[in-house]
Amino acid sequence: MAKYVYAYTGGSMAETDEERAAAMAAWGAWFGQLGSAVVDGGNPFGASTKVGNGGGVGLSGYSIVQADSLDAAAKLTDGCPILASGGGIDVYETIEVM
């Protein structure tokens, strides 16, 4: 089974305590559905800076899962709360070299 990184882009931040509690509950429920596929639940990103000439993407956080294929990893994103808040998910297969 390979590991995949979910790179979250965009989405909106909850503004009130009630919205934050609801968002955390939604993320908890979604991670609960993924079960043992979750390798690292990840975290949101804070401030960032770009070094070098590479193009930057507005990443808002990450998670790491394991799945049998890229298609299976992509399917696991169904129901992810970032999608409901206008964000997106780029799914990357990791390549173990060390």
N, C-alpha and C. Protein backbone atom coordinates (compact mmCIF):
# COMPACT_ATOMS: atom_id res chain seq x y z
N MET A 1 0.84 -1.17 0.00
CA MET A 1 0.00 0.00 0.00
C MET A 1 0.90 1.24 0.00
N ALA A 2 0.59 2.17 -0.86
CA ALA A 2 1.38 3.40 -0.97
C ALA A 2 0.79 4.49 -0.07
N LYS A 3 1.61 5.51 0.17
CA LYS A 3 1.16 6.68 0.93
C LYS A 3 0.87 7.83 -0.04
N TYR A 4 -0.13 8.62 0.31
CA TYR A 4 -0.56 9.74 -0.51
C TYR A 4 -0.72 10.98 0.38
N VAL A 5 -0.29 12.11 -0.16
CA VAL A 5 -0.46 13.38 0.54
C VAL A 5 -1.66 14.10 -0.04
N TYR A 6 -2.54 14.54 0.83
CA TYR A 6 -3.62 15.42 0.43
C TYR A 6 -3.14 16.84 0.71
N ALA A 7 -2.98 17.63 -0.31
CA ALA A 7 -2.60 19.03 -0.17
C ALA A 7 -3.86 19.85 -0.34
N TYR A 8 -4.33 20.43 0.76
CA TYR A 8 -5.57 21.18 0.74
C TYR A 8 -5.31 22.61 0.24
N THR A 9 -6.17 23.07 -0.63
CA THR A 9 -6.05 24.43 -1.16
C THR A 9 -7.35 25.18 -0.91
N GLY A 10 -7.21 26.46 -0.59
CA GLY A 10 -8.38 27.30 -0.43
C GLY A 10 -9.25 26.90 0.73
N GLY A 11 -10.51 27.16 0.58
CA GLY A 11 -11.47 26.93 1.65
C GLY A 11 -11.58 28.16 2.52
N SER A 12 -12.53 28.16 3.40
CA SER A 12 -12.73 29.31 4.28
C SER A 12 -12.51 28.89 5.72
N MET A 13 -12.06 29.83 6.52
CA MET A 13 -11.86 29.60 7.95
C MET A 13 -13.14 29.94 8.70
N ALA A 14 -13.44 29.12 9.70
CA ALA A 14 -14.59 29.39 10.55
C ALA A 14 -14.34 30.66 11.34
N GLU A 15 -15.37 31.48 11.51
CA GLU A 15 -15.20 32.78 12.16
C GLU A 15 -15.68 32.80 13.61
N THR A 16 -16.67 32.00 13.94
CA THR A 16 -17.20 32.01 15.31
C THR A 16 -16.83 30.71 16.01
N ASP A 17 -16.95 30.73 17.33
CA ASP A 17 -16.67 29.51 18.10
C ASP A 17 -17.59 28.38 17.66
N GLU A 18 -18.85 28.70 17.39
CA GLU A 18 -19.79 27.67 16.95
C GLU A 18 -19.40 27.09 15.61
N GLU A 19 -18.97 27.96 14.68
CA GLU A 19 -18.53 27.49 13.36
C GLU A 19 -17.26 26.64 13.49
N ARG A 20 -16.34 27.04 14.37
CA ARG A 20 -15.11 26.27 14.58
C ARG A 20 -15.44 24.90 15.15
N ALA A 21 -16.35 24.85 16.10
CA ALA A 21 -16.75 23.57 16.70
C ALA A 21 -17.39 22.66 15.65
N ALA A 22 -18.25 23.23 14.81
CA ALA A 22 -18.89 22.44 13.75
C ALA A 22 -17.86 21.96 12.74
N ALA A 23 -16.90 22.82 12.39
CA ALA A 23 -15.86 22.42 11.43
C ALA A 23 -15.01 21.29 12.00
N MET A 24 -14.62 21.40 13.26
CA MET A 24 -13.81 20.34 13.89
C MET A 24 -14.60 19.04 13.96
N ALA A 25 -15.89 19.12 14.24
CA ALA A 25 -16.71 17.91 14.27
C ALA A 25 -16.80 17.27 12.89
N ALA A 26 -16.91 18.10 11.85
CA ALA A 26 -16.97 17.58 10.48
C ALA A 26 -15.67 16.88 10.11
N TRP A 27 -14.53 17.52 10.45
CA TRP A 27 -13.23 16.90 10.16
C TRP A 27 -13.08 15.60 10.95
N GLY A 28 -13.48 15.59 12.21
CA GLY A 28 -13.40 14.38 13.02
C GLY A 28 -14.24 13.25 12.46
N ALA A 29 -15.43 13.58 12.00
CA ALA A 29 -16.31 12.56 11.41
C ALA A 29 -15.71 12.01 10.13
N TRP A 30 -15.15 12.90 9.30
CA TRP A 30 -14.56 12.45 8.04
C TRP A 30 -13.35 11.56 8.29
N PHE A 31 -12.46 11.99 9.21
CA PHE A 31 -11.31 11.14 9.54
C PHE A 31 -11.76 9.81 10.12
N GLY A 32 -12.85 9.83 10.87
CA GLY A 32 -13.40 8.58 11.41
C GLY A 32 -13.83 7.64 10.31
N GLN A 33 -14.40 8.17 9.23
CA GLN A 33 -14.78 7.34 8.08
C GLN A 33 -13.56 6.72 7.41
N LEU A 34 -12.45 7.46 7.39
CA LEU A 34 -11.24 6.96 6.74
C LEU A 34 -10.57 5.87 7.55
N GLY A 35 -10.77 5.88 8.84
CA GLY A 35 -10.23 4.84 9.71
C GLY A 35 -8.72 4.69 9.61
N SER A 36 -8.29 3.44 9.43
CA SER A 36 -6.85 3.13 9.43
C SER A 36 -6.12 3.62 8.18
N ALA A 37 -6.84 4.15 7.21
CA ALA A 37 -6.17 4.72 6.03
C ALA A 37 -5.40 5.98 6.39
N VAL A 38 -5.77 6.64 7.50
CA VAL A 38 -5.09 7.87 7.91
C VAL A 38 -3.75 7.53 8.54
N VAL A 39 -2.69 8.00 7.91
CA VAL A 39 -1.33 7.83 8.44
C VAL A 39 -0.99 9.01 9.34
N ASP A 40 -1.32 10.20 8.88
CA ASP A 40 -1.06 11.45 9.61
C ASP A 40 -2.20 12.39 9.28
N GLY A 41 -3.02 12.72 10.27
CA GLY A 41 -4.15 13.62 10.03
C GLY A 41 -3.73 14.99 9.55
N GLY A 42 -2.49 15.36 9.80
CA GLY A 42 -1.97 16.62 9.31
C GLY A 42 -2.41 17.80 10.13
N ASN A 43 -2.25 18.97 9.55
CA ASN A 43 -2.57 20.24 10.21
C ASN A 43 -2.82 21.30 9.16
N PRO A 44 -3.50 22.36 9.55
CA PRO A 44 -3.61 23.51 8.64
C PRO A 44 -2.28 24.24 8.61
N PHE A 45 -2.06 25.02 7.57
CA PHE A 45 -0.86 25.84 7.45
C PHE A 45 -1.18 27.25 7.90
N GLY A 46 -0.18 27.91 8.44
CA GLY A 46 -0.28 29.32 8.80
C GLY A 46 0.40 30.16 7.74
N ALA A 47 1.07 31.20 8.18
CA ALA A 47 1.78 32.11 7.27
C ALA A 47 2.85 31.34 6.49
N SER A 48 3.12 31.81 5.28
CA SER A 48 4.13 31.15 4.46
C SER A 48 4.92 32.19 3.67
N THR A 49 6.01 31.74 3.09
CA THR A 49 6.80 32.57 2.20
C THR A 49 7.32 31.71 1.08
N LYS A 50 7.63 32.30 -0.03
CA LYS A 50 8.14 31.56 -1.19
C LYS A 50 9.62 31.87 -1.33
N VAL A 51 10.42 30.83 -1.55
CA VAL A 51 11.86 30.98 -1.76
C VAL A 51 12.17 30.43 -3.14
N GLY A 52 12.86 31.18 -3.96
CA GLY A 52 13.21 30.73 -5.30
C GLY A 52 12.18 31.19 -6.32
N ASN A 53 12.31 30.65 -7.52
CA ASN A 53 11.48 31.07 -8.63
C ASN A 53 10.28 30.18 -8.89
N GLY A 54 10.13 29.10 -8.13
CA GLY A 54 9.03 28.17 -8.37
C GLY A 54 7.68 28.82 -8.13
N GLY A 55 6.70 28.36 -8.86
CA GLY A 55 5.35 28.88 -8.69
C GLY A 55 4.78 28.44 -7.36
N GLY A 56 4.09 29.31 -6.71
CA GLY A 56 3.49 28.98 -5.43
C GLY A 56 2.02 28.66 -5.56
N VAL A 57 1.56 27.80 -4.70
CA VAL A 57 0.15 27.44 -4.64
C VAL A 57 -0.32 27.76 -3.24
N GLY A 58 -1.49 28.30 -3.10
CA GLY A 58 -2.03 28.64 -1.79
C GLY A 58 -2.48 27.41 -1.03
N LEU A 59 -1.56 26.73 -0.39
CA LEU A 59 -1.90 25.55 0.39
C LEU A 59 -2.47 25.96 1.74
N SER A 60 -3.49 25.25 2.18
CA SER A 60 -4.08 25.56 3.47
C SER A 60 -3.87 24.45 4.50
N GLY A 61 -3.33 23.31 4.10
CA GLY A 61 -3.05 22.22 5.03
C GLY A 61 -2.75 20.94 4.30
N TYR A 62 -2.57 19.86 5.08
CA TYR A 62 -2.24 18.57 4.49
C TYR A 62 -2.73 17.43 5.37
N SER A 63 -2.81 16.25 4.80
CA SER A 63 -3.01 14.98 5.50
C SER A 63 -2.27 13.92 4.71
N ILE A 64 -1.96 12.82 5.35
CA ILE A 64 -1.32 11.69 4.67
C ILE A 64 -2.16 10.45 4.91
N VAL A 65 -2.48 9.75 3.82
CA VAL A 65 -3.27 8.53 3.90
C VAL A 65 -2.53 7.42 3.17
N GLN A 66 -2.99 6.20 3.36
CA GLN A 66 -2.48 5.10 2.55
C GLN A 66 -3.63 4.45 1.81
N ALA A 67 -3.34 4.03 0.60
CA ALA A 67 -4.37 3.43 -0.25
C ALA A 67 -3.69 2.52 -1.27
N ASP A 68 -4.49 1.72 -1.95
CA ASP A 68 -3.96 0.77 -2.93
C ASP A 68 -3.57 1.42 -4.25
N SER A 69 -4.12 2.61 -4.54
CA SER A 69 -3.83 3.26 -5.81
C SER A 69 -4.15 4.75 -5.69
N LEU A 70 -3.69 5.51 -6.68
CA LEU A 70 -4.01 6.93 -6.73
C LEU A 70 -5.52 7.14 -6.83
N ASP A 71 -6.18 6.33 -7.64
CA ASP A 71 -7.64 6.43 -7.77
C ASP A 71 -8.33 6.16 -6.43
N ALA A 72 -7.84 5.16 -5.70
CA ALA A 72 -8.43 4.83 -4.40
C ALA A 72 -8.20 5.97 -3.42
N ALA A 73 -7.01 6.56 -3.44
CA ALA A 73 -6.71 7.70 -2.56
C ALA A 73 -7.61 8.88 -2.91
N ALA A 74 -7.82 9.13 -4.19
CA ALA A 74 -8.69 10.23 -4.61
C ALA A 74 -10.13 9.97 -4.16
N LYS A 75 -10.58 8.74 -4.23
CA LYS A 75 -11.94 8.40 -3.83
C LYS A 75 -12.15 8.64 -2.34
N LEU A 76 -11.10 8.46 -1.53
CA LEU A 76 -11.21 8.68 -0.10
C LEU A 76 -11.49 10.15 0.25
N THR A 77 -11.27 11.06 -0.68
CA THR A 77 -11.54 12.48 -0.41
C THR A 77 -13.03 12.80 -0.39
N ASP A 78 -13.86 11.86 -0.85
CA ASP A 78 -15.31 12.10 -0.83
C ASP A 78 -15.76 12.49 0.57
N GLY A 79 -16.46 13.59 0.67
CA GLY A 79 -16.98 14.04 1.96
C GLY A 79 -16.01 14.88 2.77
N CYS A 80 -14.83 15.18 2.24
CA CYS A 80 -13.86 16.00 2.97
C CYS A 80 -14.44 17.40 3.20
N PRO A 81 -14.38 17.89 4.44
CA PRO A 81 -14.97 19.20 4.75
C PRO A 81 -14.39 20.36 3.95
N ILE A 82 -13.17 20.29 3.50
CA ILE A 82 -12.61 21.42 2.74
C ILE A 82 -13.37 21.63 1.44
N LEU A 83 -13.91 20.56 0.88
CA LEU A 83 -14.67 20.68 -0.36
C LEU A 83 -15.96 21.46 -0.14
N ALA A 84 -16.57 21.29 1.04
CA ALA A 84 -17.81 21.99 1.36
C ALA A 84 -17.58 23.48 1.61
N SER A 85 -16.31 23.85 1.92
CA SER A 85 -16.04 25.26 2.19
C SER A 85 -15.37 25.95 1.00
N GLY A 86 -15.52 25.36 -0.19
CA GLY A 86 -15.01 25.99 -1.40
C GLY A 86 -13.57 25.69 -1.72
N GLY A 87 -12.93 24.80 -0.97
CA GLY A 87 -11.54 24.45 -1.22
C GLY A 87 -11.39 23.27 -2.15
N GLY A 88 -10.16 22.85 -2.35
CA GLY A 88 -9.86 21.72 -3.20
C GLY A 88 -8.79 20.85 -2.57
N ILE A 89 -8.52 19.72 -3.20
CA ILE A 89 -7.51 18.79 -2.70
C ILE A 89 -6.69 18.29 -3.88
N ASP A 90 -5.36 18.46 -3.80
CA ASP A 90 -4.46 17.83 -4.74
C ASP A 90 -3.95 16.57 -4.07
N VAL A 91 -3.99 15.45 -4.78
CA VAL A 91 -3.57 14.17 -4.22
C VAL A 91 -2.26 13.77 -4.87
N TYR A 92 -1.23 13.54 -4.05
CA TYR A 92 0.11 13.19 -4.55
C TYR A 92 0.53 11.85 -3.97
N GLU A 93 1.02 10.95 -4.82
CA GLU A 93 1.63 9.73 -4.31
C GLU A 93 3.03 10.05 -3.84
N THR A 94 3.40 9.55 -2.68
CA THR A 94 4.77 9.73 -2.21
C THR A 94 5.63 8.63 -2.78
N ILE A 95 6.89 8.92 -2.99
CA ILE A 95 7.84 7.95 -3.50
C ILE A 95 8.91 7.75 -2.45
N GLU A 96 8.98 6.55 -1.90
CA GLU A 96 9.95 6.26 -0.86
C GLU A 96 11.34 6.10 -1.48
N VAL A 97 12.23 7.02 -1.14
CA VAL A 97 13.61 6.92 -1.63
C VAL A 97 14.61 6.78 -0.50
N MET A 98 14.21 7.01 0.70
CA MET A 98 15.13 6.86 1.85
C MET A 98 14.49 5.99 2.90
